[in-house]
PDB file of N, CA and C in Angstrom:
ATOM      1  N   MET A   1    -100.249 -70.015 -69.817  1.00  0.00           N
ATOM      2  CA  MET A   1    -101.578 -70.512 -69.717  1.00  0.00           C
ATOM      3  C   MET A   1    -102.104 -70.413 -68.348  1.00  0.00           C
ATOM      4  N   ALA A   2    -103.364 -69.873 -68.291  1.00  0.00           N
ATOM      5  CA  ALA A   2    -103.973 -69.659 -67.029  1.00  0.00           C
ATOM      6  C   ALA A   2    -104.691 -70.896 -66.479  1.00  0.00           C
ATOM      7  N   THR A   3    -104.488 -71.042 -65.098  1.00  0.00           N
ATOM      8  CA  THR A   3    -105.184 -72.019 -64.420  1.00  0.00           C
ATOM      9  C   THR A   3    -106.268 -71.467 -63.431  1.00  0.00           C
ATOM     10  N   LYS A   4    -107.553 -71.873 -63.498  1.00  0.00           N
ATOM     11  CA  LYS A   4    -108.575 -71.272 -62.793  1.00  0.00           C
ATOM     12  C   LYS A   4    -109.145 -72.480 -61.828  1.00  0.00           C
ATOM     13  N   LEU A   5    -109.161 -72.156 -60.537  1.00  0.00           N
ATOM     14  CA  LEU A   5    -109.617 -73.120 -59.565  1.00  0.00           C
ATOM     15  C   LEU A   5    -110.679 -72.463 -58.764  1.00  0.00           C
ATOM     16  N   LYS A   6    -111.675 -73.422 -58.344  1.00  0.00           N
ATOM     17  CA  LYS A   6    -112.761 -73.065 -57.425  1.00  0.00           C
ATOM     18  C   LYS A   6    -112.267 -73.525 -56.029  1.00  0.00           C
ATOM     19  N   VAL A   7    -112.170 -72.528 -55.059  1.00  0.00           N
ATOM     20  CA  VAL A   7    -111.579 -72.731 -53.834  1.00  0.00           C
ATOM     21  C   VAL A   7    -112.710 -72.402 -52.933  1.00  0.00           C
ATOM     22  N   THR A   8    -113.248 -73.405 -52.195  1.00  0.00           N
ATOM     23  CA  THR A   8    -114.582 -73.284 -51.473  1.00  0.00           C
ATOM     24  C   THR A   8    -114.525 -72.496 -50.111  1.00  0.00           C
ATOM     25  N   ASN A   9    -113.279 -72.444 -49.527  1.00  0.00           N
ATOM     26  CA  ASN A   9    -113.178 -71.880 -48.248  1.00  0.00           C
ATOM     27  C   ASN A   9    -112.367 -70.492 -48.134  1.00  0.00           C
ATOM     28  N   ILE A  10    -112.478 -69.753 -49.290  1.00  0.00           N
ATOM     29  CA  ILE A  10    -111.961 -68.387 -49.306  1.00  0.00           C
ATOM     30  C   ILE A  10    -113.000 -67.518 -48.496  1.00  0.00           C
ATOM     31  N   LYS A  11    -112.492 -66.776 -47.661  1.00  0.00           N
ATOM     32  CA  LYS A  11    -113.317 -65.953 -46.736  1.00  0.00           C
ATOM     33  C   LYS A  11    -113.140 -64.482 -46.984  1.00  0.00           C
ATOM     34  N   GLY A  12    -111.911 -63.948 -47.190  1.00  0.00           N
ATOM     35  CA  GLY A  12    -111.659 -62.514 -47.242  1.00  0.00           C
ATOM     36  C   GLY A  12    -110.334 -62.228 -47.647  1.00  0.00           C
ATOM     37  N   ASP A  13    -109.924 -60.954 -47.336  1.00  0.00           N
ATOM     38  CA  ASP A  13    -108.612 -60.425 -47.739  1.00  0.00           C
ATOM     39  C   ASP A  13    -107.541 -61.202 -47.100  1.00  0.00           C
ATOM     40  N   ASP A  14    -107.634 -61.673 -45.847  1.00  0.00           N
ATOM     41  CA  ASP A  14    -106.541 -62.531 -45.320  1.00  0.00           C
ATOM     42  C   ASP A  14    -106.273 -63.706 -46.148  1.00  0.00           C
ATOM     43  N   CYS A  15    -107.360 -64.385 -46.676  1.00  0.00           N
ATOM     44  CA  CYS A  15    -107.185 -65.483 -47.632  1.00  0.00           C
ATOM     45  C   CYS A  15    -106.473 -65.153 -48.865  1.00  0.00           C
ATOM     46  N   VAL A  16    -106.904 -64.008 -49.351  1.00  0.00           N
ATOM     47  CA  VAL A  16    -106.242 -63.566 -50.655  1.00  0.00           C
ATOM     48  C   VAL A  16    -104.798 -63.409 -50.542  1.00  0.00           C
ATOM     49  N   GLN A  17    -104.318 -62.712 -49.456  1.00  0.00           N
ATOM     50  CA  GLN A  17    -102.999 -62.529 -49.188  1.00  0.00           C
ATOM     51  C   GLN A  17    -102.180 -63.845 -49.030  1.00  0.00           C
ATOM     52  N   LYS A  18    -102.825 -64.741 -48.129  1.00  0.00           N
ATOM     53  CA  LYS A  18    -102.043 -65.976 -47.943  1.00  0.00           C
ATOM     54  C   LYS A  18    -101.935 -66.795 -49.170  1.00  0.00           C
ATOM     55  N   ILE A  19    -103.017 -66.937 -49.925  1.00  0.00           N
ATOM     56  CA  ILE A  19    -102.969 -67.700 -51.241  1.00  0.00           C
ATOM     57  C   ILE A  19    -101.954 -67.103 -52.031  1.00  0.00           C
ATOM     58  N   THR A  20    -102.001 -65.804 -52.284  1.00  0.00           N
ATOM     59  CA  THR A  20    -101.141 -65.072 -53.249  1.00  0.00           C
ATOM     60  C   THR A  20     -99.629 -65.339 -52.852  1.00  0.00           C
ATOM     61  N   LYS A  21     -99.319 -65.052 -51.618  1.00  0.00           N
ATOM     62  CA  LYS A  21     -97.975 -65.226 -51.201  1.00  0.00           C
ATOM     63  C   LYS A  21     -97.537 -66.592 -51.270  1.00  0.00           C
ATOM     64  N   SER A  22     -98.284 -67.702 -50.912  1.00  0.00           N
ATOM     65  CA  SER A  22     -98.005 -68.963 -51.045  1.00  0.00           C
ATOM     66  C   SER A  22     -97.599 -69.385 -52.489  1.00  0.00           C
ATOM     67  N   ILE A  23     -98.446 -69.078 -53.446  1.00  0.00           N
ATOM     68  CA  ILE A  23     -98.114 -69.245 -54.826  1.00  0.00           C
ATOM     69  C   ILE A  23     -96.958 -68.576 -55.304  1.00  0.00           C
ATOM     70  N   GLN A  24     -96.853 -67.238 -55.026  1.00  0.00           N
ATOM     71  CA  GLN A  24     -95.694 -66.537 -55.470  1.00  0.00           C
ATOM     72  C   GLN A  24     -94.431 -66.795 -54.825  1.00  0.00           C
ATOM     73  N   THR A  25     -94.408 -67.455 -53.667  1.00  0.00           N
ATOM     74  CA  THR A  25     -93.125 -67.878 -52.993  1.00  0.00           C
ATOM     75  C   THR A  25     -92.654 -69.120 -53.775  1.00  0.00           C
ATOM     76  N   MET A  26     -93.624 -69.923 -54.343  1.00  0.00           N
ATOM     77  CA  MET A  26     -93.131 -71.242 -54.985  1.00  0.00           C
ATOM     78  C   MET A  26     -92.971 -70.995 -56.519  1.00  0.00           C
ATOM     79  N   VAL A  27     -93.769 -70.061 -56.999  1.00  0.00           N
ATOM     80  CA  VAL A  27     -93.641 -69.672 -58.463  1.00  0.00           C
ATOM     81  C   VAL A  27     -93.476 -68.316 -58.673  1.00  0.00           C
ATOM     82  N   SER A  28     -92.231 -67.832 -58.895  1.00  0.00           N
ATOM     83  CA  SER A  28     -91.905 -66.373 -58.750  1.00  0.00           C
ATOM     84  C   SER A  28     -92.476 -65.563 -59.869  1.00  0.00           C
ATOM     85  N   ASP A  29     -92.751 -66.206 -60.945  1.00  0.00           N
ATOM     86  CA  ASP A  29     -93.387 -65.510 -62.218  1.00  0.00           C
ATOM     87  C   ASP A  29     -94.945 -65.588 -62.166  1.00  0.00           C
ATOM     88  N   ALA A  30     -95.469 -66.099 -61.141  1.00  0.00           N
ATOM     89  CA  ALA A  30     -96.955 -66.231 -61.204  1.00  0.00           C
ATOM     90  C   ALA A  30     -97.741 -64.921 -60.987  1.00  0.00           C
ATOM     91  N   LYS A  31     -98.827 -64.776 -61.767  1.00  0.00           N
ATOM     92  CA  LYS A  31     -99.645 -63.569 -61.711  1.00  0.00           C
ATOM     93  C   LYS A  31    -100.982 -64.301 -61.061  1.00  0.00           C
ATOM     94  N   VAL A  32    -101.315 -63.814 -59.834  1.00  0.00           N
ATOM     95  CA  VAL A  32    -102.367 -64.479 -59.117  1.00  0.00           C
ATOM     96  C   VAL A  32    -103.670 -63.421 -59.009  1.00  0.00           C
ATOM     97  N   ASP A  33    -104.816 -63.978 -59.319  1.00  0.00           N
ATOM     98  CA  ASP A  33    -106.037 -63.122 -59.174  1.00  0.00           C
ATOM     99  C   ASP A  33    -106.971 -63.957 -58.434  1.00  0.00           C
ATOM    100  N   VAL A  34    -107.417 -63.497 -57.161  1.00  0.00           N
ATOM    101  CA  VAL A  34    -108.271 -64.216 -56.246  1.00  0.00           C
ATOM    102  C   VAL A  34    -109.621 -63.343 -56.306  1.00  0.00           C
ATOM    103  N   ASP A  35    -110.650 -64.079 -56.607  1.00  0.00           N
ATOM    104  CA  ASP A  35    -112.022 -63.442 -56.479  1.00  0.00           C
ATOM    105  C   ASP A  35    -112.797 -64.075 -55.324  1.00  0.00           C
ATOM    106  N   VAL A  36    -112.873 -63.230 -54.218  1.00  0.00           N
ATOM    107  CA  VAL A  36    -113.407 -63.636 -53.005  1.00  0.00           C
ATOM    108  C   VAL A  36    -114.983 -64.086 -53.194  1.00  0.00           C
ATOM    109  N   ASN A  37    -115.643 -63.256 -53.994  1.00  0.00           N
ATOM    110  CA  ASN A  37    -117.085 -63.443 -54.089  1.00  0.00           C
ATOM    111  C   ASN A  37    -117.407 -64.661 -54.896  1.00  0.00           C
ATOM    112  N   ALA A  38    -116.742 -64.917 -55.948  1.00  0.00           N
ATOM    113  CA  ALA A  38    -116.851 -66.151 -56.799  1.00  0.00           C
ATOM    114  C   ALA A  38    -116.042 -67.375 -56.287  1.00  0.00           C
ATOM    115  N   LYS A  39    -115.282 -67.177 -55.270  1.00  0.00           N
ATOM    116  CA  LYS A  39    -114.407 -68.142 -54.705  1.00  0.00           C
ATOM    117  C   LYS A  39    -113.544 -68.850 -55.650  1.00  0.00           C
ATOM    118  N   THR A  40    -112.901 -68.028 -56.454  1.00  0.00           N
ATOM    119  CA  THR A  40    -112.039 -68.603 -57.569  1.00  0.00           C
ATOM    120  C   THR A  40    -110.636 -67.902 -57.480  1.00  0.00           C
ATOM    121  N   ILE A  41    -109.675 -68.803 -57.922  1.00  0.00           N
ATOM    122  CA  ILE A  41    -108.316 -68.267 -58.063  1.00  0.00           C
ATOM    123  C   ILE A  41    -107.900 -68.496 -59.586  1.00  0.00           C
ATOM    124  N   THR A  42    -107.337 -67.510 -60.177  1.00  0.00           N
ATOM    125  CA  THR A  42    -106.811 -67.641 -61.478  1.00  0.00           C
ATOM    126  C   THR A  42    -105.336 -67.344 -61.477  1.00  0.00           C
ATOM    127  N   VAL A  43    -104.588 -68.197 -61.923  1.00  0.00           N
ATOM    128  CA  VAL A  43    -103.104 -68.143 -61.876  1.00  0.00           C
ATOM    129  C   VAL A  43    -102.440 -68.212 -63.185  1.00  0.00           C
ATOM    130  N   GLU A  44    -101.688 -67.295 -63.695  1.00  0.00           N
ATOM    131  CA  GLU A  44    -100.871 -67.354 -64.860  1.00  0.00           C
ATOM    132  C   GLU A  44     -99.421 -67.391 -64.554  1.00  0.00           C
ATOM    133  N   GLY A  45     -98.781 -68.361 -65.282  1.00  0.00           N
ATOM    134  CA  GLY A  45     -97.291 -68.476 -64.952  1.00  0.00           C
ATOM    135  C   GLY A  45     -96.950 -69.887 -65.461  1.00  0.00           C
ATOM    136  N   SER A  46     -95.634 -70.157 -65.087  1.00  0.00           N
ATOM    137  CA  SER A  46     -95.148 -71.270 -65.668  1.00  0.00           C
ATOM    138  C   SER A  46     -95.376 -72.673 -64.934  1.00  0.00           C
ATOM    139  N   ALA A  47     -96.004 -72.616 -63.701  1.00  0.00           N
ATOM    140  CA  ALA A  47     -96.306 -73.817 -63.080  1.00  0.00           C
ATOM    141  C   ALA A  47     -97.487 -74.546 -63.637  1.00  0.00           C
ATOM    142  N   SER A  48     -97.404 -75.868 -63.461  1.00  0.00           N
ATOM    143  CA  SER A  48     -98.574 -76.802 -63.918  1.00  0.00           C
ATOM    144  C   SER A  48     -99.759 -76.561 -62.954  1.00  0.00           C
ATOM    145  N   GLU A  49    -100.846 -76.957 -63.475  1.00  0.00           N
ATOM    146  CA  GLU A  49    -102.104 -76.952 -62.729  1.00  0.00           C
ATOM    147  C   GLU A  49    -101.974 -77.720 -61.446  1.00  0.00           C
ATOM    148  N   GLU A  50    -101.301 -78.893 -61.641  1.00  0.00           N
ATOM    149  CA  GLU A  50    -101.150 -79.883 -60.415  1.00  0.00           C
ATOM    150  C   GLU A  50    -100.334 -79.103 -59.292  1.00  0.00           C
ATOM    151  N   THR A  51     -99.306 -78.439 -59.809  1.00  0.00           N
ATOM    152  CA  THR A  51     -98.445 -77.732 -58.844  1.00  0.00           C
ATOM    153  C   THR A  51     -99.199 -76.599 -58.055  1.00  0.00           C
ATOM    154  N   ILE A  52    -100.030 -75.910 -58.853  1.00  0.00           N
ATOM    155  CA  ILE A  52    -100.800 -74.826 -58.221  1.00  0.00           C
ATOM    156  C   ILE A  52    -101.836 -75.429 -57.199  1.00  0.00           C
ATOM    157  N   LYS A  53    -102.439 -76.522 -57.509  1.00  0.00           N
ATOM    158  CA  LYS A  53    -103.357 -77.177 -56.610  1.00  0.00           C
ATOM    159  C   LYS A  53    -102.582 -77.592 -55.468  1.00  0.00           C
ATOM    160  N   GLN A  54    -101.452 -78.187 -55.559  1.00  0.00           N
ATOM    161  CA  GLN A  54    -100.695 -78.546 -54.346  1.00  0.00           C
ATOM    162  C   GLN A  54    -100.343 -77.388 -53.428  1.00  0.00           C
ATOM    163  N   ILE A  55     -99.959 -76.365 -53.976  1.00  0.00           N
ATOM    164  CA  ILE A  55     -99.563 -75.184 -53.247  1.00  0.00           C
ATOM    165  C   ILE A  55    -100.749 -74.691 -52.386  1.00  0.00           C
ATOM    166  N   VAL A  56    -101.983 -74.487 -53.159  1.00  0.00           N
ATOM    167  CA  VAL A  56    -103.121 -74.095 -52.609  1.00  0.00           C
ATOM    168  C   VAL A  56    -103.646 -74.925 -51.409  1.00  0.00           C
ATOM    169  N   GLN A  57    -103.516 -76.217 -51.558  1.00  0.00           N
ATOM    170  CA  GLN A  57    -103.978 -77.149 -50.599  1.00  0.00           C
ATOM    171  C   GLN A  57    -103.007 -77.070 -49.354  1.00  0.00           C
ATOM    172  N   SER A  58    -101.697 -77.115 -49.636  1.00  0.00           N
ATOM    173  CA  SER A  58    -100.745 -77.014 -48.557  1.00  0.00           C
ATOM    174  C   SER A  58    -100.915 -75.582 -47.690  1.00  0.00           C
ATOM    175  N   ALA A  59    -101.490 -74.603 -48.330  1.00  0.00           N
ATOM    176  CA  ALA A  59    -101.842 -73.326 -47.649  1.00  0.00           C
ATOM    177  C   ALA A  59    -103.028 -73.558 -46.722  1.00  0.00           C
ATOM    178  N   GLY A  60    -103.787 -74.682 -46.891  1.00  0.00           N
ATOM    179  CA  GLY A  60    -104.893 -74.837 -46.028  1.00  0.00           C
ATOM    180  C   GLY A  60    -106.255 -74.654 -46.645  1.00  0.00           C
ATOM    181  N   TYR A  61    -106.291 -74.639 -48.015  1.00  0.00           N
ATOM    182  CA  TYR A  61    -107.572 -74.313 -48.686  1.00  0.00           C
ATOM    183  C   TYR A  61    -108.060 -75.651 -49.536  1.00  0.00           C
ATOM    184  N   THR A  62    -109.305 -75.708 -49.672  1.00  0.00           N
ATOM    185  CA  THR A  62    -110.008 -76.801 -50.355  1.00  0.00           C
ATOM    186  C   THR A  62    -110.400 -76.401 -51.728  1.00  0.00           C
ATOM    187  N   ILE A  63    -109.919 -77.177 -52.658  1.00  0.00           N
ATOM    188  CA  ILE A  63    -110.207 -77.009 -54.080  1.00  0.00           C
ATOM    189  C   ILE A  63    -111.482 -77.860 -54.432  1.00  0.00           C
ATOM    190  N   GLU A  64    -112.438 -77.346 -54.986  1.00  0.00           N
ATOM    191  CA  GLU A  64    -113.619 -78.057 -55.385  1.00  0.00           C
ATOM    192  C   GLU A  64    -113.272 -79.073 -56.372  1.00  0.00           C
ATOM    193  N   GLY A  65    -113.693 -80.337 -56.177  1.00  0.00           N
ATOM    194  CA  GLY A  65    -113.388 -81.449 -57.031  1.00  0.00           C
ATOM    195  C   GLY A  65    -111.965 -82.013 -57.045  1.00  0.00           C
ATOM    196  N   TYR A  66    -111.158 -81.644 -56.086  1.00  0.00           N
ATOM    197  CA  TYR A  66    -109.841 -82.178 -56.069  1.00  0.00           C
ATOM    198  C   TYR A  66    -109.470 -82.857 -54.708  1.00  0.00           C
TER     199      TYR A  66
END
């Protein structure tokens, strides 16, 4: 199941790399797609939405509505 999150403080490629690495470090089977222009992250893998949110926040990013 895919989890899609709106992340308000994504700025560019450095953010994409940091978010992707953070998620894949914790969830090895995760497929991560970051859209800088739309400021969204879509994650497919075994982790729950709550787990993904916690990983993204601990990497220093703000999730809209969370």
